[in-house]
């Protein structure tokens, strides 16, 4: 699967998650707070380019199955991001 056994993932979608294969799930509440985002960026080092996320591609939630198939096929360099 996309998450290994006993792995974990975060979601901004919210809602209840059914625990499967001992996978840890966490929901994250995100607000539009520029000052807070700037402080988080500073602490994470992104303001100086310390973190460079590698995003291979983005998919809508309607295309989540396509994203899963791409991961299952292997060879993806970077992360696939689902956009609500």
N, C-alpha and C. Protein backbone atom coordinates (compact mmCIF):
# COMPACT_ATOMS: atom_id res chain seq x y z
N UNK A 1 0.82 -1.19 0.00
CA UNK A 1 0.00 0.00 0.00
C UNK A 1 0.86 1.25 0.00
N UNK A 2 0.22 2.36 -0.01
CA UNK A 2 0.90 3.66 -0.03
C UNK A 2 1.53 3.96 1.32
N UNK A 3 1.03 3.34 2.40
CA UNK A 3 1.59 3.53 3.74
C UNK A 3 1.98 2.15 4.26
N UNK A 4 3.21 2.03 4.73
CA UNK A 4 3.68 0.73 5.21
C UNK A 4 2.96 0.36 6.51
N UNK A 5 2.97 -0.92 6.84
CA UNK A 5 2.41 -1.38 8.10
C UNK A 5 3.09 -0.64 9.24
N UNK A 6 2.31 -0.23 10.22
CA UNK A 6 2.77 0.53 11.38
C UNK A 6 3.36 1.89 10.98
N UNK A 7 3.07 2.37 9.77
CA UNK A 7 3.51 3.69 9.33
C UNK A 7 2.54 4.75 9.81
N UNK A 8 2.57 5.89 9.18
CA UNK A 8 1.67 6.96 9.58
C UNK A 8 1.50 7.98 8.48
N UNK A 9 0.46 8.79 8.60
CA UNK A 9 0.25 9.88 7.66
C UNK A 9 -0.60 10.96 8.32
N UNK A 10 -0.52 12.16 7.77
CA UNK A 10 -1.32 13.28 8.23
C UNK A 10 -2.34 13.63 7.16
N UNK A 11 -3.46 14.16 7.59
CA UNK A 11 -4.51 14.56 6.66
C UNK A 11 -5.04 15.93 7.04
N UNK A 12 -5.30 16.74 6.05
CA UNK A 12 -5.97 18.02 6.30
C UNK A 12 -7.46 17.90 5.98
N UNK A 13 -7.89 16.71 5.57
CA UNK A 13 -9.29 16.51 5.20
C UNK A 13 -10.20 16.39 6.42
N UNK A 14 -9.65 15.98 7.56
CA UNK A 14 -10.47 15.81 8.76
C UNK A 14 -11.30 14.54 8.70
N UNK A 15 -12.20 14.40 9.65
CA UNK A 15 -13.07 13.23 9.67
C UNK A 15 -12.50 12.11 10.51
N UNK A 16 -13.25 11.03 10.60
CA UNK A 16 -12.84 9.85 11.36
C UNK A 16 -12.08 8.89 10.44
N UNK A 17 -11.02 8.31 10.97
CA UNK A 17 -10.22 7.36 10.21
C UNK A 17 -10.32 5.99 10.86
N UNK A 18 -10.46 4.97 10.05
CA UNK A 18 -10.52 3.60 10.55
C UNK A 18 -9.10 3.07 10.62
N UNK A 19 -8.63 2.67 11.82
CA UNK A 19 -7.26 2.17 11.93
C UNK A 19 -7.09 0.83 11.21
N UNK A 20 -6.16 0.78 10.29
CA UNK A 20 -5.86 -0.43 9.53
C UNK A 20 -4.37 -0.73 9.64
N UNK A 21 -4.01 -1.98 9.76
CA UNK A 21 -2.62 -2.43 9.75
C UNK A 21 -1.74 -1.63 10.71
N UNK A 22 -2.31 -1.19 11.83
CA UNK A 22 -1.58 -0.42 12.84
C UNK A 22 -1.01 0.88 12.28
N UNK A 23 -1.67 1.47 11.29
CA UNK A 23 -1.24 2.74 10.71
C UNK A 23 -1.76 3.87 11.58
N UNK A 24 -0.88 4.79 11.95
CA UNK A 24 -1.25 5.95 12.75
C UNK A 24 -1.75 7.06 11.84
N UNK A 25 -2.89 7.64 12.20
CA UNK A 25 -3.43 8.75 11.42
C UNK A 25 -3.57 9.98 12.31
N UNK A 26 -3.32 11.13 11.76
CA UNK A 26 -3.47 12.40 12.48
C UNK A 26 -4.13 13.40 11.54
N UNK A 27 -5.08 14.14 12.06
CA UNK A 27 -5.68 15.23 11.30
C UNK A 27 -4.99 16.53 11.72
N UNK A 28 -4.81 17.41 10.78
CA UNK A 28 -4.16 18.69 11.04
C UNK A 28 -5.12 19.79 10.66
N UNK A 29 -5.33 20.76 11.57
CA UNK A 29 -6.19 21.89 11.28
C UNK A 29 -5.31 23.04 10.82
N UNK A 30 -5.58 23.54 9.64
CA UNK A 30 -4.77 24.61 9.06
C UNK A 30 -5.62 25.86 8.93
N UNK A 31 -5.08 26.98 9.40
CA UNK A 31 -5.78 28.26 9.27
C UNK A 31 -4.92 29.22 8.46
N UNK A 32 -5.56 30.21 7.90
CA UNK A 32 -4.85 31.22 7.11
C UNK A 32 -4.31 32.29 8.06
N UNK A 33 -3.17 32.04 8.65
CA UNK A 33 -2.55 32.96 9.59
C UNK A 33 -1.13 33.23 9.11
N UNK A 34 -0.94 34.36 8.45
CA UNK A 34 0.35 34.67 7.83
C UNK A 34 1.48 34.74 8.85
N UNK A 35 1.22 35.32 10.01
CA UNK A 35 2.27 35.45 11.03
C UNK A 35 2.70 34.08 11.54
N UNK A 36 1.72 33.21 11.79
CA UNK A 36 2.03 31.86 12.26
C UNK A 36 2.79 31.08 11.19
N UNK A 37 2.37 31.19 9.94
CA UNK A 37 3.06 30.50 8.85
C UNK A 37 4.49 31.00 8.72
N UNK A 38 4.70 32.30 8.86
CA UNK A 38 6.05 32.86 8.78
C UNK A 38 6.93 32.31 9.90
N UNK A 39 6.38 32.20 11.11
CA UNK A 39 7.14 31.67 12.24
C UNK A 39 7.46 30.18 12.04
N UNK A 40 6.50 29.42 11.58
CA UNK A 40 6.74 28.00 11.32
C UNK A 40 7.80 27.84 10.24
N UNK A 41 7.72 28.65 9.19
CA UNK A 41 8.71 28.60 8.12
C UNK A 41 10.10 28.94 8.64
N UNK A 42 10.16 29.95 9.51
CA UNK A 42 11.45 30.34 10.08
C UNK A 42 12.03 29.19 10.91
N UNK A 43 11.19 28.59 11.76
CA UNK A 43 11.66 27.49 12.61
C UNK A 43 12.08 26.27 11.79
N UNK A 44 11.38 26.02 10.70
CA UNK A 44 11.69 24.87 9.85
C UNK A 44 12.87 25.13 8.93
N UNK A 45 13.28 26.38 8.82
CA UNK A 45 14.40 26.71 7.96
C UNK A 45 14.03 26.93 6.52
N UNK A 46 12.73 26.94 6.22
CA UNK A 46 12.33 27.12 4.82
C UNK A 46 12.57 28.53 4.32
N UNK A 47 12.69 29.48 5.24
CA UNK A 47 12.93 30.85 4.79
C UNK A 47 14.33 31.01 4.21
N UNK A 48 15.20 30.06 4.47
CA UNK A 48 16.56 30.12 3.90
C UNK A 48 16.79 28.95 2.93
N UNK A 49 15.73 28.25 2.58
CA UNK A 49 15.85 27.17 1.62
C UNK A 49 16.39 25.87 2.19
N UNK A 50 16.33 25.68 3.52
CA UNK A 50 16.85 24.47 4.13
C UNK A 50 16.02 23.24 3.76
N UNK A 51 14.74 23.44 3.54
CA UNK A 51 13.87 22.32 3.16
C UNK A 51 13.37 22.54 1.74
N UNK A 52 13.54 21.52 0.93
CA UNK A 52 13.04 21.58 -0.44
C UNK A 52 12.21 20.33 -0.68
N UNK A 53 10.89 20.43 -0.50
CA UNK A 53 10.07 19.24 -0.73
C UNK A 53 10.09 18.84 -2.20
N UNK A 54 10.16 17.55 -2.42
CA UNK A 54 10.14 17.04 -3.79
C UNK A 54 8.74 16.51 -4.08
N UNK A 55 8.01 17.26 -4.88
CA UNK A 55 6.65 16.86 -5.27
C UNK A 55 6.71 16.36 -6.70
N UNK A 56 6.40 15.09 -6.87
CA UNK A 56 6.43 14.49 -8.21
C UNK A 56 5.23 14.93 -9.03
N UNK A 57 4.06 15.03 -8.38
CA UNK A 57 2.85 15.40 -9.11
C UNK A 57 1.73 15.68 -8.12
N UNK A 58 0.67 16.32 -8.60
CA UNK A 58 -0.52 16.56 -7.78
C UNK A 58 -1.73 15.93 -8.47
N UNK A 59 -2.68 15.50 -7.65
CA UNK A 59 -3.91 14.88 -8.13
C UNK A 59 -5.08 15.44 -7.34
N UNK A 60 -6.23 15.55 -7.98
CA UNK A 60 -7.45 15.88 -7.25
C UNK A 60 -7.89 14.65 -6.47
N UNK A 61 -8.75 14.85 -5.48
CA UNK A 61 -9.25 13.69 -4.73
C UNK A 61 -10.01 12.73 -5.64
N UNK A 62 -10.64 13.27 -6.66
CA UNK A 62 -11.35 12.40 -7.61
C UNK A 62 -10.39 11.47 -8.35
N UNK A 63 -9.13 11.87 -8.46
CA UNK A 63 -8.12 11.06 -9.16
C UNK A 63 -7.20 10.32 -8.18
N UNK A 64 -7.65 10.15 -6.94
CA UNK A 64 -6.82 9.48 -5.93
C UNK A 64 -6.45 8.07 -6.35
N UNK A 65 -7.35 7.37 -7.02
CA UNK A 65 -7.05 6.00 -7.47
C UNK A 65 -5.90 6.01 -8.47
N UNK A 66 -5.86 7.01 -9.34
CA UNK A 66 -4.75 7.12 -10.30
C UNK A 66 -3.43 7.36 -9.57
N UNK A 67 -3.48 8.20 -8.54
CA UNK A 67 -2.27 8.45 -7.75
C UNK A 67 -1.79 7.17 -7.08
N UNK A 68 -2.73 6.41 -6.52
CA UNK A 68 -2.38 5.15 -5.87
C UNK A 68 -1.76 4.19 -6.87
N UNK A 69 -2.35 4.09 -8.05
CA UNK A 69 -1.82 3.19 -9.08
C UNK A 69 -0.40 3.59 -9.47
N UNK A 70 -0.15 4.88 -9.52
CA UNK A 70 1.19 5.35 -9.87
C UNK A 70 2.20 4.97 -8.79
N UNK A 71 1.82 5.12 -7.53
CA UNK A 71 2.71 4.73 -6.43
C UNK A 71 2.93 3.23 -6.45
N UNK A 72 1.85 2.47 -6.65
CA UNK A 72 1.95 1.01 -6.66
C UNK A 72 2.84 0.50 -7.79
N UNK A 73 2.86 1.22 -8.90
CA UNK A 73 3.70 0.82 -10.04
C UNK A 73 5.18 1.01 -9.74
N UNK A 74 5.49 1.86 -8.77
CA UNK A 74 6.88 2.10 -8.39
C UNK A 74 7.55 3.14 -9.26
N UNK A 75 8.72 3.56 -8.83
CA UNK A 75 9.52 4.48 -9.60
C UNK A 75 9.20 5.96 -9.40
N UNK A 76 8.29 6.28 -8.48
CA UNK A 76 7.96 7.69 -8.24
C UNK A 76 9.07 8.32 -7.40
N UNK A 77 9.64 9.39 -7.90
CA UNK A 77 10.66 10.13 -7.15
C UNK A 77 10.01 11.39 -6.62
N UNK A 78 9.81 11.44 -5.32
CA UNK A 78 9.10 12.55 -4.69
C UNK A 78 7.74 12.08 -4.21
N UNK A 79 6.96 13.02 -3.77
CA UNK A 79 5.64 12.71 -3.22
C UNK A 79 4.54 13.08 -4.19
N UNK A 80 3.47 12.33 -4.11
CA UNK A 80 2.27 12.67 -4.85
C UNK A 80 1.34 13.36 -3.87
N UNK A 81 0.81 14.50 -4.25
CA UNK A 81 -0.01 15.32 -3.36
C UNK A 81 -1.45 15.28 -3.84
N UNK A 82 -2.37 14.97 -2.91
CA UNK A 82 -3.80 15.00 -3.22
C UNK A 82 -4.35 16.37 -2.84
N UNK A 83 -5.03 17.01 -3.79
CA UNK A 83 -5.59 18.34 -3.58
C UNK A 83 -7.11 18.22 -3.43
N UNK A 84 -7.66 18.69 -2.28
CA UNK A 84 -9.12 18.62 -2.11
C UNK A 84 -9.85 19.52 -3.08
